[in-house]
Amino acid sequence: MARRISTTDRAETLDGATLLPVPTPPINLHDVEAVRREMARVYRAMKARTIDTQDGTRLVYVLTQIAKLHEIVEIERRIDELERLSSERQ
């Protein structure tokens, strides 16, 4: 059983039997939809008051930047494909 403790600088989940920190699973941010799901998770945590709103706001800001980068990479990929197709037609 895990329990949540709070310190002045951060909250940490500890294993109830060993009192050792419980490792957090890696966050999947491989595409815009995954980033959106993580933003929603952070929002729900802020609403439930398990994440401070200032911390949550910062996390969502960073997630927004990651989503923008995903969009830029996708746009670049599509432009490259269009340029390749265009040069093949000529």
C-alpha atoms as a PDB file:
ATOM      1  CA  MET A   1       0.000   0.000   0.000  1.00  0.00           C
ATOM      2  CA  ALA A   2       1.344   3.428  -0.931  1.00  0.00           C
ATOM      3  CA  ARG A   3       0.677   6.621   0.941  1.00  0.00           C
ATOM      4  CA  ARG A   4       1.268  10.205  -0.041  1.00  0.00           C
ATOM      5  CA  ILE A   5       3.336  12.492   2.143  1.00  0.00           C
ATOM      6  CA  SER A   6       3.958  16.153   1.740  1.00  0.00           C
ATOM      7  CA  THR A   7       7.141  18.087   2.419  1.00  0.00           C
ATOM      8  CA  THR A   8       7.770  21.771   2.089  1.00  0.00           C
ATOM      9  CA  ASP A   9       9.399  21.454  -1.333  1.00  0.00           C
ATOM     10  CA  ARG A  10       7.687  18.435  -2.916  1.00  0.00           C
ATOM     11  CA  ALA A  11       5.218  15.614  -2.410  1.00  0.00           C
ATOM     12  CA  GLU A  12       6.427  12.040  -2.696  1.00  0.00           C
ATOM     13  CA  THR A  13       4.680   8.689  -2.720  1.00  0.00           C
ATOM     14  CA  LEU A  14       6.176   6.197  -0.269  1.00  0.00           C
ATOM     15  CA  ASP A  15       5.685   2.460   0.002  1.00  0.00           C
ATOM     16  CA  GLY A  16       3.677   1.886   3.198  1.00  0.00           C
ATOM     17  CA  ALA A  17       5.687  -1.177   4.235  1.00  0.00           C
ATOM     18  CA  THR A  18       9.243  -0.023   3.506  1.00  0.00           C
ATOM     19  CA  LEU A  19       8.771   3.763   3.522  1.00  0.00           C
ATOM     20  CA  LEU A  20      10.912   3.876   0.362  1.00  0.00           C
ATOM     21  CA  PRO A  21       9.879   6.084  -2.571  1.00  0.00           C
ATOM     22  CA  VAL A  22       7.654   4.290  -5.066  1.00  0.00           C
ATOM     23  CA  PRO A  23       9.117   4.674  -8.579  1.00  0.00           C
ATOM     24  CA  THR A  24       6.873   6.579 -10.935  1.00  0.00           C
ATOM     25  CA  PRO A  25       6.184   5.020 -14.330  1.00  0.00           C
ATOM     26  CA  PRO A  26       7.604   6.838 -17.354  1.00  0.00           C
ATOM     27  CA  ILE A  27       5.262   9.355 -18.940  1.00  0.00           C
ATOM     28  CA  ASN A  28       4.332   8.637 -22.541  1.00  0.00           C
ATOM     29  CA  LEU A  29       4.599  11.837 -24.592  1.00  0.00           C
ATOM     30  CA  HIS A  30       5.196  10.289 -28.026  1.00  0.00           C
ATOM     31  CA  ASP A  31       2.482  12.255 -29.838  1.00  0.00           C
ATOM     32  CA  VAL A  32       0.094  15.165 -29.401  1.00  0.00           C
ATOM     33  CA  GLU A  33      -2.705  12.896 -28.175  1.00  0.00           C
ATOM     34  CA  ALA A  34      -0.463  11.469 -25.453  1.00  0.00           C
ATOM     35  CA  VAL A  35       0.512  15.002 -24.412  1.00  0.00           C
ATOM     36  CA  ARG A  36      -3.175  15.962 -24.291  1.00  0.00           C
ATOM     37  CA  ARG A  37      -3.898  12.997 -22.010  1.00  0.00           C
ATOM     38  CA  GLU A  38      -1.057  14.037 -19.697  1.00  0.00           C
ATOM     39  CA  MET A  39      -2.396  17.609 -19.600  1.00  0.00           C
ATOM     40  CA  ALA A  40      -5.801  16.236 -18.640  1.00  0.00           C
ATOM     41  CA  ARG A  41      -4.198  14.092 -15.921  1.00  0.00           C
ATOM     42  CA  VAL A  42      -2.417  17.156 -14.501  1.00  0.00           C
ATOM     43  CA  TYR A  43      -5.659  19.161 -14.627  1.00  0.00           C
ATOM     44  CA  ARG A  44      -7.539  16.446 -12.748  1.00  0.00           C
ATOM     45  CA  ALA A  45      -4.740  16.327 -10.152  1.00  0.00           C
ATOM     46  CA  MET A  46      -5.009  20.094  -9.674  1.00  0.00           C
ATOM     47  CA  LYS A  47      -8.794  19.814  -9.275  1.00  0.00           C
ATOM     48  CA  ALA A  48      -8.283  17.018  -6.718  1.00  0.00           C
ATOM     49  CA  ARG A  49      -5.629  19.173  -5.022  1.00  0.00           C
ATOM     50  CA  THR A  50      -2.952  16.470  -5.254  1.00  0.00           C
ATOM     51  CA  ILE A  51      -0.799  18.858  -7.326  1.00  0.00           C
ATOM     52  CA  ASP A  52      -0.376  22.489  -6.374  1.00  0.00           C
ATOM     53  CA  THR A  53      -1.936  24.751  -8.995  1.00  0.00           C
ATOM     54  CA  GLN A  54       1.332  26.653  -9.535  1.00  0.00           C
ATOM     55  CA  ASP A  55       3.186  23.380 -10.165  1.00  0.00           C
ATOM     56  CA  GLY A  56       0.373  22.118 -12.387  1.00  0.00           C
ATOM     57  CA  THR A  57       0.383  25.324 -14.403  1.00  0.00           C
ATOM     58  CA  ARG A  58       4.111  24.994 -14.999  1.00  0.00           C
ATOM     59  CA  LEU A  59       3.731  21.351 -16.023  1.00  0.00           C
ATOM     60  CA  VAL A  60       0.945  22.186 -18.469  1.00  0.00           C
ATOM     61  CA  TYR A  61       3.059  25.008 -19.924  1.00  0.00           C
ATOM     62  CA  VAL A  62       5.923  22.588 -20.606  1.00  0.00           C
ATOM     63  CA  LEU A  63       3.469  20.038 -22.043  1.00  0.00           C
ATOM     64  CA  THR A  64       2.114  22.766 -24.344  1.00  0.00           C
ATOM     65  CA  GLN A  65       5.628  23.411 -25.633  1.00  0.00           C
ATOM     66  CA  ILE A  66       6.127  19.676 -26.247  1.00  0.00           C
ATOM     67  CA  ALA A  67       2.822  19.539 -28.157  1.00  0.00           C
ATOM     68  CA  LYS A  68       3.916  22.501 -30.314  1.00  0.00           C
ATOM     69  CA  LEU A  69       7.171  20.720 -31.128  1.00  0.00           C
ATOM     70  CA  HIS A  70       5.236  17.603 -32.145  1.00  0.00           C
ATOM     71  CA  GLU A  71       3.131  19.763 -34.474  1.00  0.00           C
ATOM     72  CA  ILE A  72       6.211  21.430 -35.984  1.00  0.00           C
ATOM     73  CA  VAL A  73       7.872  18.075 -36.618  1.00  0.00           C
ATOM     74  CA  GLU A  74       4.707  16.785 -38.299  1.00  0.00           C
ATOM     75  CA  ILE A  75       4.403  19.901 -40.490  1.00  0.00           C
ATOM     76  CA  GLU A  76       8.069  19.597 -41.515  1.00  0.00           C
ATOM     77  CA  ARG A  77       7.540  15.923 -42.344  1.00  0.00           C
ATOM     78  CA  ARG A  78       4.545  16.766 -44.524  1.00  0.00           C
ATOM     79  CA  ILE A  79       6.389  19.593 -46.320  1.00  0.00           C
ATOM     80  CA  ASP A  80       9.312  17.273 -47.026  1.00  0.00           C
ATOM     81  CA  GLU A  81       6.922  14.688 -48.447  1.00  0.00           C
ATOM     82  CA  LEU A  82       5.191  17.290 -50.636  1.00  0.00           C
ATOM     83  CA  GLU A  83       8.549  18.563 -51.903  1.00  0.00           C
ATOM     84  CA  ARG A  84       9.628  15.010 -52.677  1.00  0.00           C
ATOM     85  CA  LEU A  85       6.409  14.311 -54.585  1.00  0.00           C
ATOM     86  CA  SER A  86       6.705  17.612 -56.449  1.00  0.00           C
ATOM     87  CA  SER A  87      10.275  16.918 -57.553  1.00  0.00           C
ATOM     88  CA  GLU A  88       9.293  13.427 -58.736  1.00  0.00           C
ATOM     89  CA  ARG A  89       6.602  14.905 -61.028  1.00  0.00           C
ATOM     90  CA  GLN A  90       9.006  17.291 -62.736  1.00  0.00           C
END
